[in-house]
Protein backbone atom coordinates (compact mmCIF):
# COMPACT_ATOMS: atom_id res chain seq x y z
CA MET A 1 0.03 0.04 -0.08
CA PRO A 2 1.03 3.40 -0.61
CA ALA A 3 2.39 5.38 2.49
CA THR A 4 0.22 8.45 1.66
CA ARG A 5 -3.31 8.44 -0.45
CA PRO A 6 -3.13 9.61 -3.88
CA ARG A 7 -3.85 13.33 -4.57
CA VAL A 8 -5.89 14.56 -7.44
CA CYS A 9 -6.73 17.96 -8.92
CA VAL A 10 -10.23 18.45 -10.15
CA LEU A 11 -10.29 21.44 -12.38
CA HIS A 12 -13.63 23.42 -12.92
CA THR A 13 -14.75 26.23 -14.93
CA VAL A 14 -18.07 26.69 -13.36
CA ALA A 15 -18.26 27.64 -9.88
CA ALA A 16 -21.11 25.22 -8.87
CA LEU A 17 -19.31 21.78 -9.91
CA PRO A 18 -17.32 21.44 -6.87
CA ALA A 19 -20.40 20.97 -4.85
CA VAL A 20 -21.29 18.17 -7.55
CA PHE A 21 -18.26 16.39 -8.23
CA ASP A 22 -16.97 16.27 -4.06
CA PRO A 23 -19.38 13.66 -3.08
CA LEU A 24 -18.77 11.88 -6.51
CA VAL A 25 -15.06 11.60 -5.83
CA ARG A 26 -15.86 10.12 -1.98
CA GLU A 27 -18.37 7.74 -3.54
CA LEU A 28 -16.25 6.62 -6.75
CA ALA A 29 -12.81 6.92 -6.02
CA PRO A 30 -12.77 6.69 -2.11
CA GLY A 31 -9.06 6.14 -1.90
CA VAL A 32 -7.97 9.50 -3.25
CA ASP A 33 -7.79 12.93 -1.58
CA ALA A 34 -9.31 15.56 -3.92
CA TYR A 35 -8.91 19.19 -4.19
CA HIS A 36 -10.55 21.64 -6.42
CA VAL A 37 -9.66 24.44 -8.54
CA VAL A 38 -12.24 26.86 -10.36
CA ASP A 39 -11.14 29.29 -12.88
CA GLU A 40 -14.38 30.45 -14.73
CA SER A 41 -12.43 32.70 -17.08
CA LEU A 42 -11.15 29.73 -19.10
CA LEU A 43 -14.86 28.98 -20.23
CA ALA A 44 -15.60 32.72 -20.39
CA ASP A 45 -12.67 33.04 -22.81
CA THR A 46 -13.55 30.02 -24.85
CA VAL A 47 -17.15 30.89 -25.19
CA ALA A 48 -16.52 34.54 -26.13
CA LEU A 49 -13.29 33.87 -28.21
CA GLY A 50 -13.24 30.55 -29.19
CA PRO A 51 -10.35 28.13 -28.53
CA LEU A 52 -7.38 30.46 -28.25
CA PRO A 53 -3.88 28.90 -27.77
CA ARG A 54 -3.61 31.19 -24.58
CA THR A 55 -6.17 29.74 -22.88
CA ALA A 56 -4.73 26.05 -23.85
CA ALA A 57 -1.58 27.63 -22.07
CA ARG A 58 -3.52 28.62 -19.06
CA LEU A 59 -5.23 25.26 -18.78
CA ALA A 60 -1.54 23.66 -19.21
CA GLY A 61 -0.32 25.84 -16.54
CA TYR A 62 -2.73 24.51 -14.18
CA VAL A 63 -1.92 21.01 -15.00
CA THR A 64 1.73 21.37 -14.39
CA SER A 65 0.91 23.47 -11.27
CA ALA A 66 -0.94 20.63 -10.05
CA ARG A 67 2.08 18.32 -10.56
CA HIS A 68 4.27 20.39 -8.72
CA ALA A 69 1.86 20.27 -5.88
CA GLY A 70 1.81 16.84 -5.77
CA ALA A 71 -1.00 15.55 -7.69
CA ASP A 72 -1.12 12.15 -9.03
CA ALA A 73 -3.87 13.16 -11.28
CA VAL A 74 -5.98 15.64 -12.88
CA LEU A 75 -9.66 15.67 -13.81
CA VAL A 76 -10.80 18.45 -15.97
CA THR A 77 -14.86 18.65 -15.67
CA CYS A 78 -15.38 21.13 -18.67
CA SER A 79 -15.90 19.61 -22.25
CA SER A 80 -15.35 22.86 -23.77
CA VAL A 81 -11.75 22.87 -22.84
CA GLY A 82 -11.52 19.19 -23.20
CA PRO A 83 -9.14 19.16 -26.04
CA PHE A 84 -6.74 21.57 -24.07
CA ALA A 85 -6.75 18.84 -21.12
CA GLU A 86 -5.36 16.39 -23.91
CA ALA A 87 -2.80 18.89 -25.37
CA ALA A 88 -1.43 19.24 -21.92
CA ARG A 89 -0.80 15.37 -21.22
CA PRO A 90 2.62 15.35 -22.58
CA LEU A 91 3.49 17.76 -20.06
CA VAL A 92 3.34 15.54 -17.21
CA ASP A 93 3.90 12.23 -16.02
CA ILE A 94 0.33 11.71 -14.53
CA PRO A 95 -2.83 11.04 -16.05
CA VAL A 96 -4.95 14.05 -17.23
CA PHE A 97 -8.71 12.94 -17.45
CA ARG A 98 -11.27 14.51 -19.66
CA VAL A 99 -14.51 14.24 -17.85
CA ASP A 100 -16.48 13.21 -20.99
CA GLU A 101 -14.14 10.47 -22.36
CA PRO A 102 -16.32 7.61 -20.78
CA MET A 103 -19.70 9.26 -21.89
CA THR A 104 -18.69 9.34 -25.49
CA GLU A 105 -17.55 5.82 -25.24
CA GLN A 106 -20.88 4.68 -23.92
CA ALA A 107 -22.47 6.55 -26.76
CA VAL A 108 -20.91 4.85 -29.27
CA ALA A 109 -21.49 1.62 -27.57
CA HIS A 110 -25.24 2.27 -27.31
CA GLY A 111 -26.00 3.23 -30.97
CA THR A 112 -25.14 4.88 -34.33
CA ARG A 113 -27.63 7.78 -34.32
CA ILE A 114 -26.29 9.89 -31.31
CA ALA A 115 -27.31 13.53 -30.26
CA VAL A 116 -25.15 15.59 -28.57
CA LEU A 117 -26.90 18.52 -26.59
CA ALA A 118 -25.54 21.42 -25.28
CA THR A 119 -26.35 24.78 -23.55
CA LEU A 120 -23.27 26.38 -24.93
CA ASP A 121 -22.24 26.21 -28.80
CA SER A 122 -18.49 26.30 -27.24
CA THR A 123 -19.23 22.57 -26.22
CA LEU A 124 -20.99 21.33 -29.27
CA ARG A 125 -17.72 20.67 -31.46
CA PRO A 126 -15.30 19.29 -29.06
CA THR A 127 -17.88 16.65 -27.67
CA ALA A 128 -19.08 15.81 -31.04
CA ASP A 129 -15.64 15.22 -32.41
CA LEU A 130 -14.72 13.46 -29.44
CA VAL A 131 -17.81 11.19 -30.10
CA ARG A 132 -16.42 10.69 -33.77
CA ARG A 133 -13.00 9.70 -32.67
CA GLN A 134 -14.33 7.14 -30.28
CA ALA A 135 -16.66 5.62 -33.33
CA ALA A 136 -13.52 5.57 -35.48
CA THR A 137 -11.52 3.71 -32.84
CA ARG A 138 -14.50 1.27 -32.94
CA ARG A 139 -14.84 1.40 -36.76
CA ALA A 140 -18.28 2.35 -36.05
CA ASP A 141 -20.31 4.05 -38.40
CA VAL A 142 -22.43 6.85 -36.76
CA THR A 143 -24.32 9.89 -37.26
CA VAL A 144 -23.94 12.67 -34.70
CA THR A 145 -26.37 15.54 -34.37
CA THR A 146 -25.72 18.46 -32.55
CA THR A 147 -28.29 21.06 -30.95
CA THR A 148 -28.08 23.85 -28.46
CA CYS A 149 -31.06 24.01 -25.79
CA PRO A 150 -32.22 27.66 -26.26
CA GLY A 151 -32.46 29.96 -23.03
CA ALA A 152 -31.09 27.28 -20.81
CA HIS A 153 -27.50 28.87 -20.47
CA GLN A 154 -29.25 32.13 -19.65
CA ALA A 155 -31.70 30.30 -17.00
CA ARG A 156 -28.80 28.79 -15.36
CA VAL A 157 -26.92 32.21 -15.26
CA SER A 158 -29.75 34.07 -13.95
CA GLY A 159 -30.18 31.25 -11.16
CA ASP A 160 -33.36 29.57 -12.45
CA THR A 161 -31.82 26.05 -12.18
CA ALA A 162 -35.67 24.44 -12.55
CA ARG A 163 -36.31 26.21 -16.17
CA HIS A 164 -32.43 25.24 -17.32
CA ASP A 165 -33.18 21.66 -16.45
CA ASP A 166 -36.83 21.89 -17.83
CA LEU A 167 -35.65 23.25 -21.32
CA ILE A 168 -32.94 20.50 -21.48
CA ALA A 169 -35.33 17.73 -20.66
CA ALA A 170 -37.78 19.03 -23.34
CA GLU A 171 -35.10 18.90 -26.08
CA ALA A 172 -34.19 15.35 -24.67
CA ARG A 173 -37.68 14.33 -25.34
CA ARG A 174 -38.06 15.96 -28.50
CA LEU A 175 -34.70 13.97 -29.78
CA ALA A 176 -35.41 10.80 -28.50
CA ALA A 177 -37.74 9.70 -31.36
CA ASP A 178 -35.25 10.05 -33.86
CA HIS A 179 -31.91 9.06 -32.05
CA ASP A 180 -30.48 5.74 -30.30
CA VAL A 181 -28.87 7.87 -27.54
CA LEU A 182 -28.71 11.33 -26.30
CA VAL A 183 -25.50 13.05 -24.70
CA LEU A 184 -25.53 15.68 -22.32
CA ALA A 185 -22.24 17.59 -23.17
CA GLN A 186 -21.81 19.56 -20.34
CA ALA A 187 -21.23 18.37 -16.58
CA SER A 188 -23.55 21.15 -15.41
CA MET A 189 -26.41 19.46 -17.38
CA ALA A 190 -26.68 16.37 -15.39
CA ALA A 191 -29.25 17.52 -13.21
CA ALA A 192 -31.88 17.63 -16.02
CA LEU A 193 -31.76 13.91 -15.82
CA ASP A 194 -34.13 14.12 -12.91
CA HIS A 195 -36.73 15.97 -14.71
CA LEU A 196 -36.70 13.22 -17.34
CA ALA A 197 -38.57 11.09 -14.97
CA ASP A 198 -41.66 13.22 -15.63
CA GLY A 199 -42.15 12.13 -18.84
CA PRO A 200 -41.46 9.00 -20.95
CA ILE A 201 -38.07 8.97 -23.12
CA THR A 202 -37.23 5.43 -24.38
CA VAL A 203 -33.36 6.03 -25.19
CA PRO A 204 -30.48 6.40 -23.04
CA VAL A 205 -29.55 9.74 -21.88
CA LEU A 206 -25.63 10.00 -20.85
CA SER A 207 -24.07 12.75 -18.74
CA SER A 208 -20.56 13.01 -17.75
CA PRO A 209 -20.14 13.52 -13.99
CA ARG A 210 -20.40 9.84 -12.63
CA THR A 211 -18.42 8.12 -15.22
CA GLY A 212 -16.18 10.95 -15.48
CA THR A 213 -15.30 10.79 -11.95
CA ALA A 214 -14.95 7.14 -12.00
CA GLN A 215 -11.84 7.24 -14.12
CA LEU A 216 -10.23 8.57 -10.74
CA ALA A 217 -10.52 5.17 -9.06
CA ALA A 218 -7.60 4.01 -11.56
CA VAL A 219 -5.35 6.34 -9.61
CA THR A 220 -5.57 4.23 -6.46
CA ALA A 221 -4.65 1.17 -8.52
CA ARG A 222 -1.71 2.83 -10.18
CA ALA A 223 -0.41 4.16 -6.69
CA GLU A 224 -0.58 0.73 -5.08
CA ARG A 225 1.27 -0.94 -7.91
CA THR A 226 4.30 1.67 -7.52
């Protein structure tokens, strides 16, 4: 057994997400000690200006700083900056996890007609691209539809989380008839799953927090082998 518990950095771009992920870490990766870092400007700059090299460099700085702080892994919970997380992997000798990778793997396993829902346009392309890459790895022929949920982001920003979740659930119900699986591209959308219980939906609806957090369990196994 390792002398100390593995330490992981969970990097967020939405201030509300540490409260979502902290209990998930305790449940799904109880062998690690997690600390949370929030920088909302990473997402704000990506939404306003697109995927800039300087934003990628800033995220890479958080990853390298986490390594210097003794972290054994980093989990990036924002899909909009997911490609930056991948780009930072060669800079450190620890795992850098994208929260949405397991979710997109599951999506390809569930069917060929995949709908990706987001509340921000900035998230659609990174998530859809990841789905297509997963499909290529599996040699699966998939069709990916991308859509935003109008008004949902504004509702969340204004504090109306119930309306945010209702709008996402309504869009999911609309898409369910023509798709095999639905993907909620942003971790902040996961609470909308509870609203889908109010009406019938016949296809899987996937979100990233649980499966993304579960990746951290491998950090304990890795530490035990060293």
